């Protein structure tokens, strides 16, 4: 009897040790998955009944869609350090300076107290990833998220993309409700949609309307007058200058008449099935409040941006390598060409994908992947979903004849994602760094003869990394003498400071070793 008992005890202890060892070394099953793949796992384990959802062509009941989406739309409150009352250094988003407080609810700049703003966000992964607008979190020193069940969590900015006005932030939480990613290509003009967000600090507000239009380019992004940047697309209208100021922004908004007001920015635009089809971003208004037209970033474009931000810390964007102008009767007459539809190729980037594919100056791009091109947004969004090295099929008109060409997209080696985004929690300190990171690849480890480290993939305005001139491509090996292999290691290191001092060590992109100390209080 004692032998049986001893055998059972041994088996029990051995099993417990094996299970414990497994848990220690267990790999996160979601690691390496795109957000769409993670969602498939989530909804496989948490099926949602759609029996009661009616087609938009028949009788409608919005209650089920609203009930499924509202728990995963969060309220975002941001804090900004004291800033001067005017000028570029005020910390205000350039979008707000141009168009007023139509996007968020930020008070006028003051010196006496930190500034605050608010907006919305959408949970897209149960482990805490949230999509919002870049202008909601731009330059913020503190990002606070309030969930629908009234939990308040600190968030860190994973990455931003002002070219699409999107940002990815993360809170430390698990088993969060999420909004299912839909397919914005299937959205039709005239179908019913819901906008869910937090306008005027009114949490969990749902409004209904229809899709008024698709592919809208309203010219609110990428108008930074301080920098001249190369572009895969070029100017949105005909310019005669030899070296025109170019715009990298990708605008192909879904237009809706669902009521969107200040505070709705970063919220969800969903169809009647409760699927996310867009991220509410802007309104057309003379007063700063709703006047009938709202605009959302299509979710199919957002998927690529968010996956890149999570994986790389910045967006890996492919470029055709042309500048063009949209055609209309006036432009066609000025250029002395017969067609009034398409995109007129005005310039080619030397060594770019278009030049390699045989596209010539004076060609007119008439189709992308077999679909007619009428506006710049018809091409911009398609290209914006792709990576460097991907191929895209274009049809160009030359001397009255159409020609099919395949362009291999190339990266922009000169591009710098100096984007706008940057109390002492790990999230706050992480945001104040004003940078995004990615673990070293085997090739990078071999080059620098390192076993660990992270590379800086994005530097944002207003953060410590910009202020202390730590550029993209820098390799961080330790913070406060703690080895760094991941963003989790950064969290641990920056919350273990002595007298508010942070010491960063690593290598520059050309292999020179560096050590930089600064005060983060």
Protein backbone atom coordinates (compact mmCIF):
# COMPACT_ATOMS: atom_id res chain seq x y z
CA UNK A 1 0.00 0.00 0.00
CA UNK A 2 2.86 2.35 0.89
CA UNK A 3 4.50 1.57 -2.48
CA UNK A 4 1.29 2.52 -4.32
CA UNK A 5 1.04 5.75 -2.33
CA UNK A 6 4.69 6.58 -2.99
CA UNK A 7 4.25 5.85 -6.70
CA UNK A 8 1.21 8.14 -6.90
CA UNK A 9 3.01 10.91 -5.00
CA UNK A 10 6.04 10.64 -7.31
CA UNK A 11 3.81 10.77 -10.38
CA UNK A 12 1.94 13.78 -9.01
CA UNK A 13 5.13 15.71 -8.18
CA UNK A 14 6.67 14.83 -11.55
CA UNK A 15 3.57 15.96 -13.42
CA UNK A 16 3.45 19.22 -11.48
CA UNK A 17 7.11 19.90 -12.25
CA UNK A 18 6.58 19.15 -15.94
CA UNK A 19 3.56 21.45 -16.08
CA UNK A 20 5.45 24.20 -14.27
CA UNK A 21 8.39 23.90 -16.65
CA UNK A 22 6.01 24.04 -19.62
CA UNK A 23 4.40 27.20 -18.29
CA UNK A 24 7.77 28.87 -17.82
CA UNK A 25 8.87 28.19 -21.38
CA UNK A 26 5.42 28.28 -22.98
CA UNK A 27 5.35 30.57 -26.02
CA UNK A 28 2.56 33.07 -26.42
CA UNK A 29 0.30 31.44 -29.05
CA UNK A 30 -0.59 34.87 -30.48
CA UNK A 31 3.04 35.88 -31.06
CA UNK A 32 3.81 36.41 -34.72
CA UNK A 33 0.15 36.51 -35.77
CA UNK A 34 -1.38 39.48 -37.57
CA UNK A 35 -4.28 41.20 -35.85
CA UNK A 36 -6.70 39.53 -38.27
CA UNK A 37 -5.29 36.06 -37.43
CA UNK A 38 -5.56 36.80 -33.70
CA UNK A 39 -9.17 37.79 -34.21
CA UNK A 40 -9.96 34.49 -35.91
CA UNK A 41 -8.64 32.69 -32.83
CA UNK A 42 -10.70 34.97 -30.57
CA UNK A 43 -13.97 34.54 -32.45
CA UNK A 44 -13.43 30.78 -32.79
CA UNK A 45 -13.35 30.63 -28.99
CA UNK A 46 -16.04 33.30 -28.60
CA UNK A 47 -18.59 32.74 -31.37
CA UNK A 48 -21.06 35.54 -32.02
CA UNK A 49 -24.57 34.72 -33.13
CA UNK A 50 -25.65 36.61 -36.24
CA UNK A 51 -29.09 35.06 -36.60
CA UNK A 52 -30.85 38.30 -35.73
CA UNK A 53 -28.76 40.59 -37.93
CA UNK A 54 -30.74 41.78 -40.94
CA UNK A 55 -29.33 42.75 -44.31
CA UNK A 56 -29.11 46.49 -44.90
CA UNK A 57 -31.50 45.95 -47.80
CA UNK A 58 -34.29 44.81 -45.47
CA UNK A 59 -35.72 45.63 -42.06
CA UNK A 60 -33.06 46.95 -39.70
CA UNK A 61 -32.40 46.60 -36.01
CA UNK A 62 -29.17 48.24 -34.86
CA UNK A 63 -29.35 47.01 -31.27
CA UNK A 64 -27.30 43.84 -31.76
CA UNK A 65 -24.52 45.59 -33.68
CA UNK A 66 -24.37 48.36 -31.07
CA UNK A 67 -24.31 45.83 -28.22
CA UNK A 68 -21.44 43.86 -29.76
CA UNK A 69 -19.28 46.89 -30.55
CA UNK A 70 -19.78 49.27 -27.61
CA UNK A 71 -17.85 47.17 -25.02
CA UNK A 72 -14.71 47.36 -27.18
CA UNK A 73 -14.73 51.12 -27.86
CA UNK A 74 -12.70 53.02 -25.28
CA UNK A 75 -12.39 56.59 -24.09
CA UNK A 76 -8.88 58.03 -24.46
CA UNK A 77 -7.67 60.96 -22.40
CA UNK A 78 -4.27 62.47 -23.08
CA UNK A 79 -2.10 64.88 -21.11
CA UNK A 80 0.40 67.33 -22.56
CA UNK A 81 3.24 69.09 -20.80
CA UNK A 82 3.14 72.86 -20.30
CA UNK A 83 3.84 74.54 -23.60
CA UNK A 84 4.14 78.12 -24.88
CA UNK A 85 0.88 79.68 -25.99
CA UNK A 86 1.76 80.02 -29.67
CA UNK A 87 4.00 78.77 -32.42
CA UNK A 88 5.11 75.32 -33.50
CA UNK A 89 6.37 74.50 -30.02
CA UNK A 90 2.86 74.74 -28.57
CA UNK A 91 2.50 70.96 -28.84
CA UNK A 92 -0.79 71.24 -30.70
CA UNK A 93 -1.41 68.88 -33.58
CA UNK A 94 -0.91 70.68 -36.94
CA UNK A 95 -4.30 69.29 -38.01
CA UNK A 96 -5.96 71.14 -35.15
CA UNK A 97 -4.02 74.32 -35.82
CA UNK A 98 -5.30 74.28 -39.41
CA UNK A 99 -8.87 73.19 -38.84
CA UNK A 100 -9.62 74.07 -35.22
CA UNK A 101 -10.60 71.61 -32.52
CA UNK A 102 -12.75 69.59 -34.88
CA UNK A 103 -10.95 66.34 -34.04
CA UNK A 104 -10.60 66.30 -30.27
CA UNK A 105 -11.50 68.36 -27.24
CA UNK A 106 -8.32 70.18 -26.33
CA UNK A 107 -8.52 73.47 -24.48
CA UNK A 108 -6.56 76.52 -25.61
CA UNK A 109 -2.84 76.31 -24.75
CA UNK A 110 -1.97 77.64 -21.31
CA UNK A 111 1.26 77.90 -19.39
CA UNK A 112 -0.23 77.42 -15.95
CA UNK A 113 -1.40 73.80 -16.22
CA UNK A 114 -0.84 70.70 -18.36
CA UNK A 115 -3.07 70.52 -21.42
CA UNK A 116 -5.60 67.73 -21.87
CA UNK A 117 -7.44 66.26 -24.82
CA UNK A 118 -9.75 63.33 -25.44
CA UNK A 119 -10.81 60.95 -28.14
CA UNK A 120 -11.77 57.36 -28.79
CA UNK A 121 -10.12 54.06 -29.59
CA UNK A 122 -11.08 50.54 -30.68
CA UNK A 123 -9.77 47.37 -29.04
CA UNK A 124 -8.67 44.98 -31.80
CA UNK A 125 -6.78 42.33 -29.82
CA UNK A 126 -7.75 40.75 -26.47
CA UNK A 127 -4.23 41.34 -25.14
CA UNK A 128 -4.65 45.11 -25.13
CA UNK A 129 -3.84 46.55 -28.57
CA UNK A 130 -6.00 49.56 -29.44
CA UNK A 131 -6.26 51.51 -32.69
CA UNK A 132 -6.88 55.25 -32.60
CA UNK A 133 -5.95 58.34 -34.60
CA UNK A 134 -2.46 59.75 -34.68
CA UNK A 135 -3.84 63.20 -33.85
CA UNK A 136 -5.49 61.82 -30.70
CA UNK A 137 -2.16 60.79 -29.12
CA UNK A 138 0.26 63.11 -30.93
CA UNK A 139 2.79 64.71 -28.52
CA UNK A 140 1.05 63.23 -25.49
CA UNK A 141 3.17 62.61 -22.39
CA UNK A 142 0.42 60.53 -20.79
CA UNK A 143 -2.22 58.36 -22.46
CA UNK A 144 -5.06 57.10 -20.27
CA UNK A 145 -7.69 54.62 -21.47
CA UNK A 146 -11.09 54.12 -19.86
CA UNK A 147 -12.91 50.95 -20.89
CA UNK A 148 -16.64 50.55 -21.25
CA UNK A 149 -16.77 48.79 -17.86
CA UNK A 150 -15.12 51.85 -16.24
CA UNK A 151 -11.60 50.51 -15.78
CA UNK A 152 -8.85 53.11 -16.21
CA UNK A 153 -5.54 51.90 -17.65
CA UNK A 154 -2.32 53.60 -18.70
CA UNK A 155 -1.37 53.06 -22.36
CA UNK A 156 1.91 53.27 -24.21
CA UNK A 157 2.24 54.39 -27.82
CA UNK A 158 3.53 51.48 -29.90
CA UNK A 159 3.77 53.46 -33.13
CA UNK A 160 2.14 56.18 -35.21
CA UNK A 161 1.58 56.86 -38.89
CA UNK A 162 0.61 60.47 -39.65
CA UNK A 163 0.37 59.61 -43.35
CA UNK A 164 -2.88 57.75 -42.60
CA UNK A 165 -3.62 59.45 -39.26
CA UNK A 166 -3.48 56.11 -37.43
CA UNK A 167 -1.78 55.09 -34.20
CA UNK A 168 -1.43 51.85 -32.25
CA UNK A 169 -1.39 51.96 -28.46
CA UNK A 170 -1.38 49.17 -25.86
CA UNK A 171 -2.63 48.63 -22.33
CA UNK A 172 -1.54 45.88 -19.97
CA UNK A 173 -4.67 43.72 -19.80
CA UNK A 174 -5.98 40.37 -21.03
CA UNK A 175 -9.25 38.88 -22.22
CA UNK A 176 -10.53 42.24 -23.44
CA UNK A 177 -13.58 42.43 -25.74
CA UNK A 178 -12.73 43.29 -29.33
CA UNK A 179 -14.44 44.60 -32.45
CA UNK A 180 -14.30 42.21 -35.38
CA UNK A 181 -12.31 43.48 -38.36
CA UNK A 182 -14.48 43.69 -41.46
CA UNK A 183 -13.72 44.18 -45.15
CA UNK A 184 -13.94 47.79 -46.33
CA UNK A 185 -13.73 46.68 -49.98
CA UNK A 186 -17.22 45.21 -49.58
CA UNK A 187 -18.70 48.47 -48.28
CA UNK A 188 -21.28 49.94 -50.65
CA UNK A 189 -22.49 53.50 -51.00
CA UNK A 190 -25.93 53.73 -49.45
CA UNK A 191 -25.54 50.98 -46.84
CA UNK A 192 -26.30 51.63 -43.18
CA UNK A 193 -23.42 52.14 -40.76
CA UNK A 194 -22.96 53.01 -37.09
CA UNK A 195 -20.40 55.38 -35.57
CA UNK A 196 -19.40 54.51 -32.00
CA UNK A 197 -17.28 56.81 -29.86
CA UNK A 198 -17.16 59.41 -27.09
CA UNK A 199 -18.18 62.82 -28.49
CA UNK A 200 -18.20 65.75 -26.06
CA UNK A 201 -17.15 63.37 -23.23
CA UNK A 202 -20.41 61.44 -23.71
CA UNK A 203 -19.11 57.90 -23.36
CA UNK A 204 -20.32 55.03 -25.55
CA UNK A 205 -22.39 57.10 -27.96
CA UNK A 206 -23.85 55.35 -31.03
CA UNK A 207 -25.09 57.22 -34.11
CA UNK A 208 -26.45 55.83 -37.39
CA UNK A 209 -26.25 56.92 -41.00
CA UNK A 210 -25.33 55.68 -44.45
CA UNK A 211 -22.14 55.51 -46.46
CA UNK A 212 -22.25 58.68 -48.56
CA UNK A 213 -19.17 58.02 -50.68
CA UNK A 214 -15.90 56.07 -50.82
CA UNK A 215 -12.35 57.00 -51.75
CA UNK A 216 -12.60 60.62 -50.57
CA UNK A 217 -9.42 62.71 -50.65
CA UNK A 218 -10.09 65.82 -48.56
CA UNK A 219 -6.52 67.14 -48.31
CA UNK A 220 -6.04 67.30 -44.53
CA UNK A 221 -3.03 65.01 -44.08
CA UNK A 222 0.67 65.40 -44.80
CA UNK A 223 0.76 69.17 -45.16
CA UNK A 224 3.90 69.74 -43.13
CA UNK A 225 5.46 72.94 -44.46
CA UNK A 226 8.72 72.36 -42.64
CA UNK A 227 9.83 69.36 -44.63
CA UNK A 228 9.98 68.49 -48.30
CA UNK A 229 9.55 64.78 -48.75
CA UNK A 230 9.60 62.48 -51.75
CA UNK A 231 6.35 60.69 -52.53
CA UNK A 232 5.17 57.59 -54.33
CA UNK A 233 2.11 59.50 -55.47
CA UNK A 234 3.09 63.09 -55.94
CA UNK A 235 1.00 66.27 -55.81
CA UNK A 236 -2.77 65.99 -55.88
CA UNK A 237 -3.12 68.68 -58.54
CA UNK A 238 -1.11 69.84 -61.52
CA UNK A 239 1.99 71.88 -60.66
CA UNK A 240 4.51 73.35 -63.04
CA UNK A 241 7.43 73.71 -60.63
CA UNK A 242 10.37 71.48 -61.44
CA UNK A 243 10.63 70.32 -57.83
CA UNK A 244 7.13 70.60 -56.32
CA UNK A 245 6.44 70.06 -52.64
CA UNK A 246 5.14 66.52 -52.42
CA UNK A 247 2.66 64.83 -50.09
CA UNK A 248 3.01 61.34 -48.65
CA UNK A 249 -0.45 61.24 -47.15
CA UNK A 250 -2.77 58.40 -48.10
CA UNK A 251 -6.36 59.62 -48.12
CA UNK A 252 -9.13 57.34 -49.29
CA UNK A 253 -11.76 58.03 -46.66
CA UNK A 254 -15.15 56.41 -46.29
CA UNK A 255 -17.62 59.31 -46.13
CA UNK A 256 -20.68 58.92 -43.91
CA UNK A 257 -23.55 61.04 -42.65
CA UNK A 258 -23.60 59.24 -39.29
CA UNK A 259 -23.13 62.03 -36.74
CA UNK A 260 -19.43 62.42 -35.81
CA UNK A 261 -18.37 65.15 -33.39
CA UNK A 262 -15.26 66.21 -31.44
CA UNK A 263 -14.24 63.24 -29.30
CA UNK A 264 -15.33 60.67 -31.91
CA UNK A 265 -11.82 60.64 -33.40
CA UNK A 266 -10.35 57.14 -33.31
CA UNK A 267 -13.75 55.53 -32.77
CA UNK A 268 -15.40 52.76 -34.73
CA UNK A 269 -17.37 52.90 -37.95
CA UNK A 270 -19.14 49.53 -38.22
CA UNK A 271 -21.65 47.86 -40.52
CA UNK A 272 -24.94 46.33 -39.38
CA UNK A 273 -23.15 43.08 -38.54
CA UNK A 274 -21.01 44.92 -36.00
CA UNK A 275 -17.85 44.56 -38.14
CA UNK A 276 -15.26 47.34 -38.13
CA UNK A 277 -15.06 48.95 -41.56
CA UNK A 278 -13.34 52.21 -40.66
CA UNK A 279 -11.70 54.39 -38.02
CA UNK A 280 -13.47 57.74 -37.65
CA UNK A 281 -10.94 60.50 -38.29
CA UNK A 282 -12.35 63.82 -39.45
CA UNK A 283 -15.38 65.94 -40.20
CA UNK A 284 -16.08 68.59 -42.81
CA UNK A 285 -17.25 71.55 -40.78
CA UNK A 286 -17.19 75.34 -40.65
CA UNK A 287 -17.91 75.35 -36.91
CA UNK A 288 -15.87 72.40 -35.61
CA UNK A 289 -19.02 70.36 -34.94
CA UNK A 290 -21.02 67.96 -37.08
CA UNK A 291 -22.56 69.45 -40.22
CA UNK A 292 -23.42 66.32 -42.15
CA UNK A 293 -20.16 64.76 -43.33
CA UNK A 294 -17.73 62.53 -41.48
CA UNK A 295 -14.71 60.60 -42.76
CA UNK A 296 -13.17 57.28 -41.70
CA UNK A 297 -9.94 55.49 -42.63
CA UNK A 298 -10.88 52.21 -44.40
CA UNK A 299 -10.11 49.20 -42.23
CA UNK A 300 -8.33 47.33 -45.05
CA UNK A 301 -5.74 50.10 -45.16
CA UNK A 302 -5.62 50.21 -41.35
CA UNK A 303 -4.88 46.46 -41.12
CA UNK A 304 -1.57 46.83 -42.94
CA UNK A 305 -0.56 49.93 -40.98
CA UNK A 306 -1.40 48.39 -37.58
CA UNK A 307 0.35 45.10 -38.30
CA UNK A 308 3.47 47.00 -39.33
CA UNK A 309 3.38 49.21 -36.23
CA UNK A 310 3.03 46.16 -33.97
CA UNK A 311 5.74 44.19 -35.75
CA UNK A 312 8.25 46.86 -36.74
CA UNK A 313 7.34 49.98 -34.75
CA UNK A 314 6.91 51.91 -38.01
CA UNK A 315 5.18 51.42 -41.36
CA UNK A 316 7.08 49.62 -44.12
CA UNK A 317 5.65 51.31 -47.17
CA UNK A 318 6.26 50.46 -50.81
CA UNK A 319 6.52 53.15 -53.46
CA UNK A 320 5.73 53.19 -57.18
CA UNK A 321 8.17 56.02 -57.83
CA UNK A 322 6.07 58.55 -59.75
CA UNK A 323 4.62 62.00 -59.30
CA UNK A 324 1.28 62.54 -60.97
CA UNK A 325 -1.70 64.83 -61.31
CA UNK A 326 -5.39 63.95 -61.45
CA UNK A 327 -6.91 64.62 -64.84
CA UNK A 328 -9.99 66.71 -65.53
CA UNK A 329 -11.07 68.64 -68.63
CA UNK A 330 -9.09 71.76 -67.65
CA UNK A 331 -5.88 69.89 -66.88
CA UNK A 332 -6.25 67.73 -70.00
CA UNK A 333 -6.59 70.84 -72.14
CA UNK A 334 -3.54 72.42 -70.51
CA UNK A 335 -1.50 69.25 -71.07
CA UNK A 336 -2.89 68.87 -74.60
CA UNK A 337 -4.03 65.27 -74.12
CA UNK A 338 -7.29 63.68 -75.22
CA UNK A 339 -8.33 61.75 -72.11
CA UNK A 340 -9.87 63.40 -69.04
CA UNK A 341 -9.75 60.38 -66.69
CA UNK A 342 -6.75 58.87 -64.95
CA UNK A 343 -3.49 60.04 -63.40
CA UNK A 344 -0.99 61.88 -65.60
CA UNK A 345 2.63 60.85 -64.85
CA UNK A 346 4.52 64.14 -64.53
CA UNK A 347 7.78 62.86 -63.02
CA UNK A 348 9.61 59.58 -62.42
CA UNK A 349 11.85 58.81 -59.44
CA UNK A 350 15.27 57.79 -60.71
CA UNK A 351 15.80 54.10 -59.99
CA UNK A 352 12.22 53.68 -58.81
CA UNK A 353 9.86 50.81 -59.52
CA UNK A 354 7.91 52.69 -62.21
CA UNK A 355 11.06 53.53 -64.17
CA UNK A 356 12.22 49.91 -63.98
CA UNK A 357 8.82 48.73 -65.23
CA UNK A 358 9.01 50.97 -68.31
CA UNK A 359 6.54 53.66 -67.31
CA UNK A 360 7.35 56.96 -69.00
CA UNK A 361 6.73 60.60 -68.27
CA UNK A 362 3.48 61.58 -70.02
CA UNK A 363 1.84 58.18 -69.53
CA UNK A 364 -1.64 58.15 -68.00
CA UNK A 365 -2.38 55.51 -65.35
CA UNK A 366 -5.89 54.33 -66.16
CA UNK A 367 -6.27 51.14 -64.10
CA UNK A 368 -4.84 49.49 -60.97
CA UNK A 369 -5.29 45.74 -60.71
CA UNK A 370 -7.86 45.98 -63.51
CA UNK A 371 -10.00 48.59 -61.72
CA UNK A 372 -10.41 52.02 -63.36
CA UNK A 373 -8.55 54.93 -61.75
CA UNK A 374 -10.34 58.27 -61.59
CA UNK A 375 -8.79 59.89 -58.51
CA UNK A 376 -5.50 59.68 -56.67
CA UNK A 377 -7.19 57.79 -53.82
CA UNK A 378 -8.04 54.93 -56.20
CA UNK A 379 -4.31 54.23 -56.48
CA UNK A 380 -3.11 55.47 -53.09
CA UNK A 381 -5.10 53.06 -50.95
CA UNK A 382 -4.16 50.02 -53.06
CA UNK A 383 -0.47 50.86 -52.86
CA UNK A 384 -0.75 51.78 -49.19
CA UNK A 385 -1.70 48.20 -48.30
CA UNK A 386 1.48 46.75 -49.81
CA UNK A 387 5.08 46.27 -48.70
CA UNK A 388 8.38 47.01 -50.46
CA UNK A 389 9.01 44.14 -52.87
CA UNK A 390 5.31 43.53 -53.56
CA UNK A 391 4.10 43.78 -57.15
CA UNK A 392 1.19 45.83 -58.43
CA UNK A 393 -0.39 45.64 -61.90
CA UNK A 394 -1.08 48.94 -63.65
CA UNK A 395 -2.57 49.85 -67.01
CA UNK A 396 -1.16 52.98 -68.65
CA UNK A 397 -2.29 54.90 -71.71
CA UNK A 398 0.50 55.93 -74.10
CA UNK A 399 -0.01 57.46 -77.55
CA UNK A 400 -3.62 56.29 -77.59
CA UNK A 401 -2.81 52.68 -76.71
CA UNK A 402 -3.20 50.94 -73.35
CA UNK A 403 -0.27 48.96 -72.00
CA UNK A 404 -0.20 46.61 -68.97
CA UNK A 405 2.85 46.87 -66.72
CA UNK A 406 3.86 45.20 -63.46
CA UNK A 407 5.63 47.46 -60.96
CA UNK A 408 7.72 46.10 -58.09
CA UNK A 409 7.35 48.52 -55.20
CA UNK A 410 10.53 49.88 -53.65
CA UNK A 411 11.23 51.36 -50.25
CA UNK A 412 12.03 55.02 -49.84
CA UNK A 413 15.57 55.06 -48.51
CA UNK A 414 15.32 58.77 -47.73
CA UNK A 415 12.07 58.52 -45.80
CA UNK A 416 12.15 59.48 -42.14
CA UNK A 417 9.16 58.81 -39.97
CA UNK A 418 9.69 61.80 -37.68
CA UNK A 419 6.10 61.61 -36.55
CA UNK A 420 4.28 63.50 -33.84
CA UNK A 421 3.80 61.45 -30.68
CA UNK A 422 5.42 61.20 -27.50
CA UNK A 423 3.64 60.90 -13.83
CA UNK A 424 6.03 58.16 -13.93
CA UNK A 425 4.36 54.88 -14.79
CA UNK A 426 6.03 52.54 -17.29
CA UNK A 427 3.54 53.66 -19.96
CA UNK A 428 4.16 57.37 -19.35
CA UNK A 429 7.93 57.01 -19.39
CA UNK A 430 7.76 54.78 -22.46
CA UNK A 431 5.70 57.44 -24.26
CA UNK A 432 8.16 60.15 -23.22
CA UNK A 433 10.96 58.26 -24.93
CA UNK A 434 9.17 59.09 -28.17
CA UNK A 435 10.42 56.04 -30.04
CA UNK A 436 9.43 52.60 -31.30
CA UNK A 437 11.59 49.49 -31.18
CA UNK A 438 12.06 46.10 -32.82
CA UNK A 439 14.18 43.13 -31.68
CA UNK A 440 17.42 42.67 -33.61
CA UNK A 441 17.39 40.33 -36.57
CA UNK A 442 19.99 37.55 -36.81
CA UNK A 443 21.79 39.58 -39.46
CA UNK A 444 21.99 42.63 -37.19
CA UNK A 445 23.22 40.52 -34.28
CA UNK A 446 25.92 39.06 -36.50
CA UNK A 447 26.95 42.46 -37.85
CA UNK A 448 27.44 43.97 -34.39
CA UNK A 449 28.45 40.69 -32.73
CA UNK A 450 25.63 40.92 -30.23
CA UNK A 451 23.42 38.33 -28.59
CA UNK A 452 20.61 40.74 -27.81
CA UNK A 453 19.32 44.24 -28.30
CA UNK A 454 16.59 46.27 -30.00
CA UNK A 455 16.78 48.66 -32.93
CA UNK A 456 15.06 52.07 -32.97
CA UNK A 457 12.53 51.98 -35.83
CA UNK A 458 10.78 55.31 -35.29
CA UNK A 459 11.59 58.59 -33.54
CA UNK A 460 8.69 60.92 -32.76
CA UNK A 461 8.75 64.65 -32.21
CA UNK A 462 8.91 65.91 -28.65
CA UNK A 463 10.40 62.76 -27.09
CA UNK A 464 13.71 62.19 -25.34
CA UNK A 465 15.14 60.32 -28.32
CA UNK A 466 14.64 63.31 -30.61
CA UNK A 467 15.80 65.83 -28.00
CA UNK A 468 19.00 63.86 -27.37
CA UNK A 469 19.49 63.09 -31.07
CA UNK A 470 19.19 59.32 -30.88
CA UNK A 471 18.14 58.52 -34.49
CA UNK A 472 16.38 55.65 -36.20
CA UNK A 473 18.68 52.69 -36.76
CA UNK A 474 20.35 53.07 -33.36
CA UNK A 475 20.77 49.79 -31.45
CA UNK A 476 19.91 49.82 -27.76
CA UNK A 477 21.64 47.09 -25.75
CA UNK A 478 20.96 48.24 -22.19
CA UNK A 479 19.03 50.79 -20.14
CA UNK A 480 20.36 51.51 -16.65
CA UNK A 481 22.70 48.52 -17.06
CA UNK A 482 19.75 46.16 -17.68
CA UNK A 483 20.00 44.13 -20.92
CA UNK A 484 17.29 44.99 -23.45
CA UNK A 485 15.81 42.36 -25.75
CA UNK A 486 12.20 43.56 -26.11
CA UNK A 487 9.78 46.35 -25.25
CA UNK A 488 8.91 44.44 -22.08
CA UNK A 489 12.54 44.76 -21.00
CA UNK A 490 12.33 48.49 -21.67
CA UNK A 491 9.25 48.73 -19.43
CA UNK A 492 11.12 47.06 -16.58
CA UNK A 493 14.27 49.12 -17.03
CA UNK A 494 12.65 52.56 -17.20
CA UNK A 495 10.66 52.02 -14.01
CA UNK A 496 13.84 51.22 -12.08
CA UNK A 497 15.44 54.64 -12.13
CA UNK A 498 17.73 56.26 -9.58
CA UNK A 499 17.19 59.99 -9.00
CA UNK A 500 15.26 60.20 -12.26
CA UNK A 501 18.35 59.42 -14.36
CA UNK A 502 18.17 57.13 -17.39
CA UNK A 503 21.31 55.77 -19.02
CA UNK A 504 21.05 54.22 -22.48
CA UNK A 505 23.88 52.25 -24.05
CA UNK A 506 24.25 50.74 -27.49
CA UNK A 507 25.62 51.26 -30.97
CA UNK A 508 25.03 53.80 -33.69
CA UNK A 509 24.02 52.55 -37.14
CA UNK A 510 27.67 52.70 -38.28
CA UNK A 511 28.87 50.57 -35.36
CA UNK A 512 30.18 53.23 -32.96
CA UNK A 513 29.48 52.49 -29.32
CA UNK A 514 27.62 55.20 -27.36
CA UNK A 515 26.36 55.96 -23.86
CA UNK A 516 23.79 58.66 -23.15
CA UNK A 517 22.37 59.77 -19.79
CA UNK A 518 19.50 62.19 -19.21
CA UNK A 519 16.97 63.22 -16.59
CA UNK A 520 13.40 61.99 -17.22
CA UNK A 521 11.71 63.74 -14.32
